[in-house]
C-alpha atoms as a PDB file:
ATOM      1  CA  MET A   1      -3.571  24.849  15.792  1.00  0.00           C
ATOM      2  CA  THR A   2      -5.404  27.422  17.941  1.00  0.00           C
ATOM      3  CA  ASP A   3      -3.868  30.950  17.767  1.00  0.00           C
ATOM      4  CA  PRO A   4      -4.648  32.851  21.036  1.00  0.00           C
ATOM      5  CA  LEU A   5      -3.301  36.129  19.600  1.00  0.00           C
ATOM      6  CA  SER A   6      -5.643  36.052  16.587  1.00  0.00           C
ATOM      7  CA  GLN A   7      -8.563  35.064  18.808  1.00  0.00           C
ATOM      8  CA  ILE A   8      -8.007  37.964  21.166  1.00  0.00           C
ATOM      9  CA  ILE A   9      -7.653  40.501  18.367  1.00  0.00           C
ATOM     10  CA  THR A  10     -10.880  39.184  16.827  1.00  0.00           C
ATOM     11  CA  LEU A  11     -12.637  39.672  20.210  1.00  0.00           C
ATOM     12  CA  LEU A  12     -11.213  43.154  20.614  1.00  0.00           C
ATOM     13  CA  ARG A  13     -13.017  44.114  17.409  1.00  0.00           C
ATOM     14  CA  PRO A  14     -10.692  46.957  16.307  1.00  0.00           C
ATOM     15  CA  ARG A  15     -11.858  49.602  13.839  1.00  0.00           C
ATOM     16  CA  ALA A  16     -10.062  52.562  12.355  1.00  0.00           C
ATOM     17  CA  VAL A  17     -11.225  56.029  13.333  1.00  0.00           C
ATOM     18  CA  PHE A  18      -8.541  58.532  12.434  1.00  0.00           C
ATOM     19  CA  SER A  19      -5.286  58.512  10.452  1.00  0.00           C
ATOM     20  CA  LYS A  20      -3.345  61.417   8.886  1.00  0.00           C
ATOM     21  CA  GLY A  21       0.010  62.475   7.585  1.00  0.00           C
ATOM     22  CA  ILE A  22       2.260  64.300  10.021  1.00  0.00           C
ATOM     23  CA  SER A  23       5.450  66.324   9.384  1.00  0.00           C
ATOM     24  CA  GLY A  24       7.853  68.536  11.237  1.00  0.00           C
ATOM     25  CA  ALA A  25      10.629  70.986  10.396  1.00  0.00           C
ATOM     26  CA  GLY A  26      13.143  72.865  12.544  1.00  0.00           C
ATOM     27  CA  ALA A  27      12.834  72.533  16.321  1.00  0.00           C
ATOM     28  CA  TRP A  28       9.365  71.351  17.418  1.00  0.00           C
ATOM     29  CA  GLY A  29       7.702  69.288  20.166  1.00  0.00           C
ATOM     30  CA  VAL A  30       4.157  68.152  21.068  1.00  0.00           C
ATOM     31  CA  ARG A  31       3.088  66.921  24.382  1.00  0.00           C
ATOM     32  CA  TYR A  32      -0.145  64.706  24.183  1.00  0.00           C
ATOM     33  CA  ALA A  33      -2.251  63.997  27.274  1.00  0.00           C
ATOM     34  CA  GLU A  34      -3.277  60.409  27.999  1.00  0.00           C
ATOM     35  CA  PHE A  35      -5.765  59.221  25.466  1.00  0.00           C
ATOM     36  CA  GLY A  36      -6.719  55.654  26.290  1.00  0.00           C
ATOM     37  CA  HIS A  37      -7.478  54.516  22.620  1.00  0.00           C
ATOM     38  CA  PRO A  38      -4.717  52.562  20.783  1.00  0.00           C
ATOM     39  CA  GLY A  39      -2.458  54.749  18.692  1.00  0.00           C
ATOM     40  CA  PHE A  40       0.083  53.999  15.933  1.00  0.00           C
ATOM     41  CA  CYS A  41       2.722  55.838  13.973  1.00  0.00           C
ATOM     42  CA  ALA A  42       5.064  54.933  11.155  1.00  0.00           C
ATOM     43  CA  VAL A  43       8.145  57.007  10.190  1.00  0.00           C
ATOM     44  CA  ILE A  44       8.042  57.598   6.469  1.00  0.00           C
ATOM     45  CA  GLU A  45      11.255  59.766   6.281  1.00  0.00           C
ATOM     46  CA  GLY A  46      13.649  61.571   8.620  1.00  0.00           C
ATOM     47  CA  ASP A  47      14.193  61.209  12.347  1.00  0.00           C
ATOM     48  CA  CYS A  48      12.435  62.369  15.558  1.00  0.00           C
ATOM     49  CA  ARG A  49      12.276  61.504  19.388  1.00  0.00           C
ATOM     50  CA  LEU A  50       9.413  59.800  21.308  1.00  0.00           C
ATOM     51  CA  ALA A  51       9.043  59.818  25.006  1.00  0.00           C
ATOM     52  CA  VAL A  52       6.163  57.763  26.395  1.00  0.00           C
ATOM     53  CA  ASP A  53       5.392  58.185  30.080  1.00  0.00           C
ATOM     54  CA  GLY A  54       6.752  55.226  32.098  1.00  0.00           C
ATOM     55  CA  GLU A  55       9.073  54.193  29.186  1.00  0.00           C
ATOM     56  CA  GLN A  56      12.569  55.057  28.086  1.00  0.00           C
ATOM     57  CA  SER A  57      12.627  57.680  25.350  1.00  0.00           C
ATOM     58  CA  VAL A  58      13.583  56.394  21.961  1.00  0.00           C
ATOM     59  CA  SER A  59      14.921  57.743  18.717  1.00  0.00           C
ATOM     60  CA  LEU A  60      12.710  57.017  15.669  1.00  0.00           C
ATOM     61  CA  CYS A  61      14.027  56.843  12.095  1.00  0.00           C
ATOM     62  CA  GLN A  62      12.681  55.951   8.648  1.00  0.00           C
ATOM     63  CA  GLY A  63      10.955  52.560   8.603  1.00  0.00           C
ATOM     64  CA  ASP A  64      10.169  52.481  12.343  1.00  0.00           C
ATOM     65  CA  PHE A  65       6.732  51.613  13.644  1.00  0.00           C
ATOM     66  CA  VAL A  66       5.207  52.380  17.054  1.00  0.00           C
ATOM     67  CA  LEU A  67       2.051  50.967  18.595  1.00  0.00           C
ATOM     68  CA  LEU A  68       0.635  52.237  21.923  1.00  0.00           C
ATOM     69  CA  PRO A  69      -2.165  49.872  22.887  1.00  0.00           C
ATOM     70  CA  ALA A  70      -3.705  52.282  25.415  1.00  0.00           C
ATOM     71  CA  THR A  71      -1.834  55.521  24.446  1.00  0.00           C
ATOM     72  CA  PRO A  72      -0.603  56.939  27.750  1.00  0.00           C
ATOM     73  CA  ALA A  73       0.666  60.539  27.793  1.00  0.00           C
ATOM     74  CA  PHE A  74       3.711  61.052  25.520  1.00  0.00           C
ATOM     75  CA  THR A  75       5.918  63.679  23.903  1.00  0.00           C
ATOM     76  CA  ILE A  76       7.020  63.516  20.228  1.00  0.00           C
ATOM     77  CA  SER A  77       9.586  66.038  19.052  1.00  0.00           C
ATOM     78  CA  SER A  78      12.424  66.946  16.746  1.00  0.00           C
ATOM     79  CA  VAL A  79      15.917  65.579  17.475  1.00  0.00           C
ATOM     80  CA  GLU A  80      16.817  69.175  18.421  1.00  0.00           C
ATOM     81  CA  PRO A  81      15.341  70.021  21.874  1.00  0.00           C
ATOM     82  CA  ALA A  82      12.192  72.263  21.945  1.00  0.00           C
ATOM     83  CA  VAL A  83       9.518  73.362  24.366  1.00  0.00           C
ATOM     84  CA  PRO A  84       6.531  71.155  23.541  1.00  0.00           C
ATOM     85  CA  VAL A  85       3.093  72.428  22.760  1.00  0.00           C
ATOM     86  CA  ARG A  86       0.441  70.689  24.926  1.00  0.00           C
ATOM     87  CA  ILE A  87      -2.504  68.946  23.242  1.00  0.00           C
ATOM     88  CA  ASP A  88      -5.339  67.047  24.857  1.00  0.00           C
ATOM     89  CA  PRO A  89      -6.701  64.734  22.144  1.00  0.00           C
ATOM     90  CA  LYS A  90      -9.809  64.158  24.086  1.00  0.00           C
ATOM     91  CA  VAL A  91     -11.013  67.739  23.591  1.00  0.00           C
ATOM     92  CA  THR A  92      -8.986  69.021  20.600  1.00  0.00           C
ATOM     93  CA  PRO A  93     -10.853  68.553  17.289  1.00  0.00           C
ATOM     94  CA  ALA A  94      -9.154  66.118  14.928  1.00  0.00           C
ATOM     95  CA  PRO A  95      -7.422  67.965  12.079  1.00  0.00           C
ATOM     96  CA  THR A  96      -8.887  67.684   8.620  1.00  0.00           C
ATOM     97  CA  GLY A  97      -5.617  67.870   6.712  1.00  0.00           C
ATOM     98  CA  GLU A  98      -1.959  66.960   7.127  1.00  0.00           C
ATOM     99  CA  VAL A  99      -0.536  67.994  10.503  1.00  0.00           C
ATOM    100  CA  ARG A 100       2.552  70.218  10.467  1.00  0.00           C
ATOM    101  CA  HIS A 101       4.776  70.920  13.460  1.00  0.00           C
ATOM    102  CA  GLY A 102       7.553  73.427  13.773  1.00  0.00           C
ATOM    103  CA  ARG A 103       8.559  75.642  10.817  1.00  0.00           C
ATOM    104  CA  PRO A 104       5.475  75.888   8.575  1.00  0.00           C
ATOM    105  CA  ASP A 105       7.350  76.500   5.307  1.00  0.00           C
ATOM    106  CA  GLY A 106       9.899  74.596   3.312  1.00  0.00           C
ATOM    107  CA  PRO A 107      10.602  70.827   3.111  1.00  0.00           C
ATOM    108  CA  PRO A 108      10.004  68.794   6.291  1.00  0.00           C
ATOM    109  CA  ASP A 109      12.815  67.156   8.322  1.00  0.00           C
ATOM    110  CA  VAL A 110      10.523  64.276   9.213  1.00  0.00           C
ATOM    111  CA  GLY A 111       7.435  62.675   7.758  1.00  0.00           C
ATOM    112  CA  LEU A 112       5.174  60.452   9.738  1.00  0.00           C
ATOM    113  CA  PHE A 113       1.845  58.677   9.307  1.00  0.00           C
ATOM    114  CA  GLY A 114      -0.135  58.151  12.423  1.00  0.00           C
ATOM    115  CA  GLY A 115      -3.551  57.813  13.886  1.00  0.00           C
ATOM    116  CA  TYR A 116      -5.694  55.842  16.309  1.00  0.00           C
ATOM    117  CA  PHE A 117      -8.513  53.209  16.379  1.00  0.00           C
ATOM    118  CA  VAL A 118     -10.871  51.908  18.951  1.00  0.00           C
ATOM    119  CA  PHE A 119     -11.686  48.497  20.337  1.00  0.00           C
ATOM    120  CA  ASP A 120     -15.450  47.711  20.483  1.00  0.00           C
ATOM    121  CA  SER A 121     -15.002  44.833  22.810  1.00  0.00           C
ATOM    122  CA  PRO A 122     -16.341  45.290  26.389  1.00  0.00           C
ATOM    123  CA  ASP A 123     -13.249  43.452  27.581  1.00  0.00           C
ATOM    124  CA  ALA A 124     -10.751  45.765  25.909  1.00  0.00           C
ATOM    125  CA  ALA A 125      -9.242  47.013  29.110  1.00  0.00           C
ATOM    126  CA  LEU A 126      -8.455  43.569  30.399  1.00  0.00           C
ATOM    127  CA  LEU A 127      -7.044  42.307  27.140  1.00  0.00           C
ATOM    128  CA  VAL A 128      -4.984  45.445  26.535  1.00  0.00           C
ATOM    129  CA  SER A 129      -3.526  45.060  30.043  1.00  0.00           C
ATOM    130  CA  LEU A 130      -1.853  41.874  28.835  1.00  0.00           C
ATOM    131  CA  LEU A 131      -0.015  43.800  26.063  1.00  0.00           C
ATOM    132  CA  PRO A 132       3.169  46.024  26.370  1.00  0.00           C
ATOM    133  CA  ARG A 133       2.545  49.770  26.993  1.00  0.00           C
ATOM    134  CA  MET A 134       4.755  50.633  24.001  1.00  0.00           C
ATOM    135  CA  ILE A 135       5.760  48.473  21.039  1.00  0.00           C
ATOM    136  CA  HIS A 136       8.587  49.886  18.964  1.00  0.00           C
ATOM    137  CA  ILE A 137       9.520  47.921  15.915  1.00  0.00           C
ATOM    138  CA  ARG A 138      12.373  48.570  13.433  1.00  0.00           C
ATOM    139  CA  GLY A 139      13.013  46.918  10.058  1.00  0.00           C
ATOM    140  CA  VAL A 140       9.601  45.469   9.244  1.00  0.00           C
ATOM    141  CA  PRO A 141       8.607  46.931   5.876  1.00  0.00           C
ATOM    142  CA  ARG A 142       5.281  45.146   5.924  1.00  0.00           C
ATOM    143  CA  LEU A 143       4.155  47.385   8.822  1.00  0.00           C
ATOM    144  CA  SER A 144       4.833  50.571   6.899  1.00  0.00           C
ATOM    145  CA  ALA A 145       3.035  49.195   3.910  1.00  0.00           C
ATOM    146  CA  LEU A 146      -0.028  48.324   6.053  1.00  0.00           C
ATOM    147  CA  VAL A 147      -0.012  51.735   7.557  1.00  0.00           C
ATOM    148  CA  ARG A 148      -0.004  53.356   4.098  1.00  0.00           C
ATOM    149  CA  LEU A 149      -2.861  51.202   3.022  1.00  0.00           C
ATOM    150  CA  VAL A 150      -4.859  52.317   6.156  1.00  0.00           C
ATOM    151  CA  GLY A 151      -4.170  55.932   5.218  1.00  0.00           C
ATOM    152  CA  GLU A 152      -5.158  55.511   1.595  1.00  0.00           C
ATOM    153  CA  GLU A 153      -8.425  53.775   2.496  1.00  0.00           C
ATOM    154  CA  ALA A 154      -9.237  56.199   5.280  1.00  0.00           C
ATOM    155  CA  ASN A 155      -9.036  59.185   3.070  1.00  0.00           C
ATOM    156  CA  VAL A 156     -11.330  58.039   0.278  1.00  0.00           C
ATOM    157  CA  GLU A 157     -15.108  57.358   0.521  1.00  0.00           C
ATOM    158  CA  ARG A 158     -15.593  54.110  -1.314  1.00  0.00           C
ATOM    159  CA  THR A 159     -17.956  51.143  -1.099  1.00  0.00           C
ATOM    160  CA  GLY A 160     -16.731  48.719   1.548  1.00  0.00           C
ATOM    161  CA  ARG A 161     -14.426  51.266   3.180  1.00  0.00           C
ATOM    162  CA  ASP A 162     -15.285  50.477   6.776  1.00  0.00           C
ATOM    163  CA  LEU A 163     -14.885  46.670   6.265  1.00  0.00           C
ATOM    164  CA  ILE A 164     -11.584  47.106   4.503  1.00  0.00           C
ATOM    165  CA  LEU A 165     -10.339  49.421   7.270  1.00  0.00           C
ATOM    166  CA  THR A 166     -11.370  46.983  10.006  1.00  0.00           C
ATOM    167  CA  ARG A 167      -9.518  44.124   8.278  1.00  0.00           C
ATOM    168  CA  LEU A 168      -6.485  46.259   7.699  1.00  0.00           C
ATOM    169  CA  VAL A 169      -6.278  47.348  11.329  1.00  0.00           C
ATOM    170  CA  GLU A 170      -6.604  43.674  12.375  1.00  0.00           C
ATOM    171  CA  LEU A 171      -3.689  42.843  10.118  1.00  0.00           C
ATOM    172  CA  LEU A 172      -1.749  45.759  11.415  1.00  0.00           C
ATOM    173  CA  LEU A 173      -2.247  44.679  15.038  1.00  0.00           C
ATOM    174  CA  ILE A 174      -1.366  40.999  14.428  1.00  0.00           C
ATOM    175  CA  GLU A 175       1.797  41.933  12.401  1.00  0.00           C
ATOM    176  CA  ALA A 176       2.922  44.377  15.078  1.00  0.00           C
ATOM    177  CA  LEU A 177       2.330  42.065  18.008  1.00  0.00           C
ATOM    178  CA  ARG A 178       3.931  39.014  16.503  1.00  0.00           C
ATOM    179  CA  SER A 179       6.866  41.123  15.350  1.00  0.00           C
ATOM    180  CA  VAL A 180       7.676  41.907  18.968  1.00  0.00           C
ATOM    181  CA  GLU A 181       6.651  38.519  20.413  1.00  0.00           C
ATOM    182  CA  GLY A 182       9.555  37.021  22.409  1.00  0.00           C
ATOM    183  CA  LYS A 183      11.829  40.030  21.989  1.00  0.00           C
ATOM    184  CA  GLY A 184      12.095  40.987  25.660  1.00  0.00           C
ATOM    185  CA  ALA A 185       8.328  41.603  25.967  1.00  0.00           C
ATOM    186  CA  PRO A 186       7.229  42.309  29.566  1.00  0.00           C
ATOM    187  CA  SER A 187       4.988  39.944  31.336  1.00  0.00           C
ATOM    188  CA  GLY A 188       1.729  39.537  29.574  1.00  0.00           C
ATOM    189  CA  LEU A 189       0.287  37.595  26.629  1.00  0.00           C
ATOM    190  CA  LEU A 190       3.203  38.130  24.272  1.00  0.00           C
ATOM    191  CA  CYS A 191       5.740  37.004  26.864  1.00  0.00           C
ATOM    192  CA  GLY A 192       3.572  33.900  27.623  1.00  0.00           C
ATOM    193  CA  LEU A 193       3.157  33.059  23.991  1.00  0.00           C
ATOM    194  CA  ALA A 194       6.942  33.315  23.468  1.00  0.00           C
ATOM    195  CA  ASP A 195       7.568  30.787  26.275  1.00  0.00           C
ATOM    196  CA  ALA A 196       7.598  27.146  24.983  1.00  0.00           C
ATOM    197  CA  ARG A 197       5.935  25.669  28.039  1.00  0.00           C
ATOM    198  CA  VAL A 198       3.430  28.494  28.961  1.00  0.00           C
ATOM    199  CA  SER A 199       2.286  28.796  25.340  1.00  0.00           C
ATOM    200  CA  VAL A 200       1.103  25.225  25.334  1.00  0.00           C
ATOM    201  CA  ALA A 201      -1.203  25.985  28.284  1.00  0.00           C
ATOM    202  CA  LEU A 202      -2.466  29.191  26.633  1.00  0.00           C
ATOM    203  CA  ARG A 203      -3.280  27.379  23.401  1.00  0.00           C
ATOM    204  CA  ASP A 204      -5.005  24.565  25.363  1.00  0.00           C
ATOM    205  CA  MET A 205      -7.230  27.044  27.271  1.00  0.00           C
ATOM    206  CA  HIS A 206      -8.130  28.984  24.088  1.00  0.00           C
ATOM    207  CA  ALA A 207      -8.787  25.727  22.078  1.00  0.00           C
ATOM    208  CA  GLU A 208     -11.093  24.189  24.789  1.00  0.00           C
ATOM    209  CA  PRO A 209     -12.537  26.739  27.186  1.00  0.00           C
ATOM    210  CA  GLU A 210     -15.381  24.328  27.790  1.00  0.00           C
ATOM    211  CA  ARG A 211     -13.098  21.729  29.362  1.00  0.00           C
ATOM    212  CA  SER A 212     -12.771  21.355  33.176  1.00  0.00           C
ATOM    213  CA  TRP A 213      -9.184  22.493  33.389  1.00  0.00           C
ATOM    214  CA  THR A 214      -7.075  22.253  36.539  1.00  0.00           C
ATOM    215  CA  VAL A 215      -3.634  23.695  37.071  1.00  0.00           C
ATOM    216  CA  LYS A 216      -2.455  20.084  37.258  1.00  0.00           C
ATOM    217  CA  ASP A 217      -3.940  19.338  33.796  1.00  0.00           C
ATOM    218  CA  LEU A 218      -2.347  22.423  32.278  1.00  0.00           C
ATOM    219  CA  ALA A 219       1.065  21.688  33.943  1.00  0.00           C
ATOM    220  CA  GLY A 220       0.922  18.180  32.604  1.00  0.00           C
ATOM    221  CA  GLY A 221       0.341  19.371  29.038  1.00  0.00           C
ATOM    222  CA  ALA A 222       3.315  21.789  29.443  1.00  0.00           C
ATOM    223  CA  GLY A 223       5.480  18.974  30.787  1.00  0.00           C
ATOM    224  CA  MET A 224       6.011  20.538  34.222  1.00  0.00           C
ATOM    225  CA  SER A 225       5.203  19.975  37.866  1.00  0.00           C
ATOM    226  CA  ARG A 226       2.229  21.833  39.201  1.00  0.00           C
ATOM    227  CA  SER A 227       4.162  24.298  41.313  1.00  0.00           C
ATOM    228  CA  ALA A 228       6.901  25.003  38.679  1.00  0.00           C
ATOM    229  CA  PHE A 229       4.226  25.624  36.053  1.00  0.00           C
ATOM    230  CA  PHE A 230       2.161  27.893  38.365  1.00  0.00           C
ATOM    231  CA  ASP A 231       5.172  30.127  39.099  1.00  0.00           C
ATOM    232  CA  ARG A 232       6.244  30.186  35.524  1.00  0.00           C
ATOM    233  CA  PHE A 233       2.822  31.152  34.178  1.00  0.00           C
ATOM    234  CA  MET A 234       2.474  33.926  36.869  1.00  0.00           C
ATOM    235  CA  ARG A 235       5.933  35.255  35.946  1.00  0.00           C
ATOM    236  CA  LYS A 236       5.330  35.199  32.189  1.00  0.00           C
ATOM    237  CA  VAL A 237       1.658  36.229  31.952  1.00  0.00           C
ATOM    238  CA  GLY A 238       1.174  38.239  35.061  1.00  0.00           C
ATOM    239  CA  LEU A 239      -2.014  36.316  36.081  1.00  0.00           C
ATOM    240  CA  ARG A 240      -2.667  32.995  37.844  1.00  0.00           C
ATOM    241  CA  PRO A 241      -3.609  30.238  35.345  1.00  0.00           C
ATOM    242  CA  MET A 242      -7.184  29.927  36.624  1.00  0.00           C
ATOM    243  CA  GLU A 243      -7.458  33.675  36.712  1.00  0.00           C
ATOM    244  CA  TYR A 244      -6.545  33.900  32.983  1.00  0.00           C
ATOM    245  CA  LEU A 245      -8.811  30.975  32.181  1.00  0.00           C
ATOM    246  CA  LEU A 246     -11.772  32.718  33.859  1.00  0.00           C
ATOM    247  CA  ALA A 247     -11.082  35.932  32.014  1.00  0.00           C
ATOM    248  CA  TRP A 248     -10.917  34.185  28.713  1.00  0.00           C
ATOM    249  CA  ARG A 249     -14.141  32.230  29.409  1.00  0.00           C
ATOM    250  CA  MET A 250     -15.961  35.291  30.350  1.00  0.00           C
ATOM    251  CA  ALA A 251     -14.716  37.192  27.254  1.00  0.00           C
ATOM    252  CA  VAL A 252     -15.984  34.286  25.097  1.00  0.00           C
ATOM    253  CA  ALA A 253     -19.301  34.234  27.034  1.00  0.00           C
ATOM    254  CA  LYS A 254     -19.817  37.978  26.475  1.00  0.00           C
ATOM    255  CA  GLU A 255     -19.354  37.532  22.722  1.00  0.00           C
ATOM    256  CA  LEU A 256     -21.823  34.692  22.600  1.00  0.00           C
ATOM    257  CA  LEU A 257     -24.322  36.611  24.750  1.00  0.00           C
ATOM    258  CA  ARG A 258     -23.988  39.663  22.458  1.00  0.00           C
ATOM    259  CA  SER A 259     -25.050  37.580  19.431  1.00  0.00           C
ATOM    260  CA  ARG A 260     -28.313  36.709  21.260  1.00  0.00           C
ATOM    261  CA  THR A 261     -28.679  33.632  19.048  1.00  0.00           C
ATOM    262  CA  ILE A 262     -27.542  30.968  21.542  1.00  0.00           C
ATOM    263  CA  ALA A 263     -29.593  29.689  24.592  1.00  0.00           C
ATOM    264  CA  LEU A 264     -28.072  30.409  28.038  1.00  0.00           C
ATOM    265  CA  ASP A 265     -27.491  26.777  28.856  1.00  0.00           C
ATOM    266  CA  GLU A 266     -25.452  26.391  25.517  1.00  0.00           C
ATOM    267  CA  VAL A 267     -23.421  29.533  26.445  1.00  0.00           C
ATOM    268  CA  ALA A 268     -22.723  27.928  29.810  1.00  0.00           C
ATOM    269  CA  ARG A 269     -21.601  24.596  28.239  1.00  0.00           C
ATOM    270  CA  ARG A 270     -19.259  26.334  25.836  1.00  0.00           C
ATOM    271  CA  VAL A 271     -17.344  28.073  28.514  1.00  0.00           C
ATOM    272  CA  GLY A 272     -17.087  25.136  30.942  1.00  0.00           C
ATOM    273  CA  TYR A 273     -20.127  25.305  33.247  1.00  0.00           C
ATOM    274  CA  GLY A 274     -22.399  22.425  33.865  1.00  0.00           C
ATOM    275  CA  SER A 275     -25.529  24.407  34.178  1.00  0.00           C
ATOM    276  CA  ALA A 276     -27.030  27.764  33.299  1.00  0.00           C
ATOM    277  CA  SER A 277     -27.499  28.577  36.988  1.00  0.00           C
ATOM    278  CA  THR A 278     -23.889  27.875  37.883  1.00  0.00           C
ATOM    279  CA  PHE A 279     -22.695  30.022  34.958  1.00  0.00           C
ATOM    280  CA  SER A 280     -25.084  32.795  35.840  1.00  0.00           C
ATOM    281  CA  ILE A 281     -23.637  33.059  39.318  1.00  0.00           C
ATOM    282  CA  ALA A 282     -20.025  33.037  38.072  1.00  0.00           C
ATOM    283  CA  PHE A 283     -20.895  35.578  35.272  1.00  0.00           C
ATOM    284  CA  GLY A 284     -22.648  37.902  37.774  1.00  0.00           C
ATOM    285  CA  ARG A 285     -19.652  37.852  40.080  1.00  0.00           C
ATOM    286  CA  HIS A 286     -17.219  38.552  37.281  1.00  0.00           C
ATOM    287  CA  VAL A 287     -19.221  41.130  35.268  1.00  0.00           C
ATOM    288  CA  GLY A 288     -21.495  42.643  38.020  1.00  0.00           C
ATOM    289  CA  GLN A 289     -24.799  41.754  36.323  1.00  0.00           C
ATOM    290  CA  PRO A 290     -26.612  38.543  35.291  1.00  0.00           C
ATOM    291  CA  PRO A 291     -26.053  37.286  31.733  1.00  0.00           C
ATOM    292  CA  GLY A 292     -29.667  37.893  30.690  1.00  0.00           C
ATOM    293  CA  ARG A 293     -29.464  41.616  31.501  1.00  0.00           C
ATOM    294  CA  TYR A 294     -26.007  41.850  29.911  1.00  0.00           C
ATOM    295  CA  ALA A 295     -27.301  40.388  26.711  1.00  0.00           C
ATOM    296  CA  ARG A 296     -30.249  42.809  26.586  1.00  0.00           C
ATOM    297  CA  GLN A 297     -28.023  45.765  27.129  1.00  0.00           C
ATOM    298  CA  ALA A 298     -25.404  44.606  24.685  1.00  0.00           C
END
């Protein structure tokens, strides 16, 4: 069975860039400016507070995991209130050792392991927009174990390090996203996949992007009337069915074009277009440049 979530993560092409241990003692707080790249954090011991812009603040405790797919501005602090120190991660050099907040001496009150990675996909912004702004997961030990593995691998120069880190980050993303799937996720991909009817249509589109789908076809597969399906898909995913199909087709087309091993008419066929010229027109409208130029620049 086609797995849209795994397909999208594969197309995002995540890779680890930075990960470090973080600790805090006493009263402390750090205010980070918007970053854009996906960030993650696991609480190894103790408690702290996290306030992400646009979301309700949450208390974090041992075993919690947080994923910010686009890392908006946020404040992380001790449970005890404190005036936060402001940091802009886009201009502040990444630390080379463990990060310590608050009182510099003595045992820490909280221990974290966090970091960020990047998506190499040219469609990252679109795909990330279909994910929740903040994912907070409690009680999934597998996530903390994966985070520790990322940290161990990131801090040692060994053969195959980059490949292992890429695979670990892919596992981390899949585990985090499927852990929250259906648990009150806002409209987007996770919400759509959690819906018994909408998920059928998503899997159909991902399995056969070359098929000449219509809303009626997708509604029939989901066992719904055309109008009821359209409204439900919009409410769950946040995009119209044909809008999502076009976005997915173009994401697949970009990946095929980047490989530069497949003829243009074959790329067109694989994403549902009857001719290279028809595909070129649609691709140009969606991307802003013809497929040949895109492939050369990619």
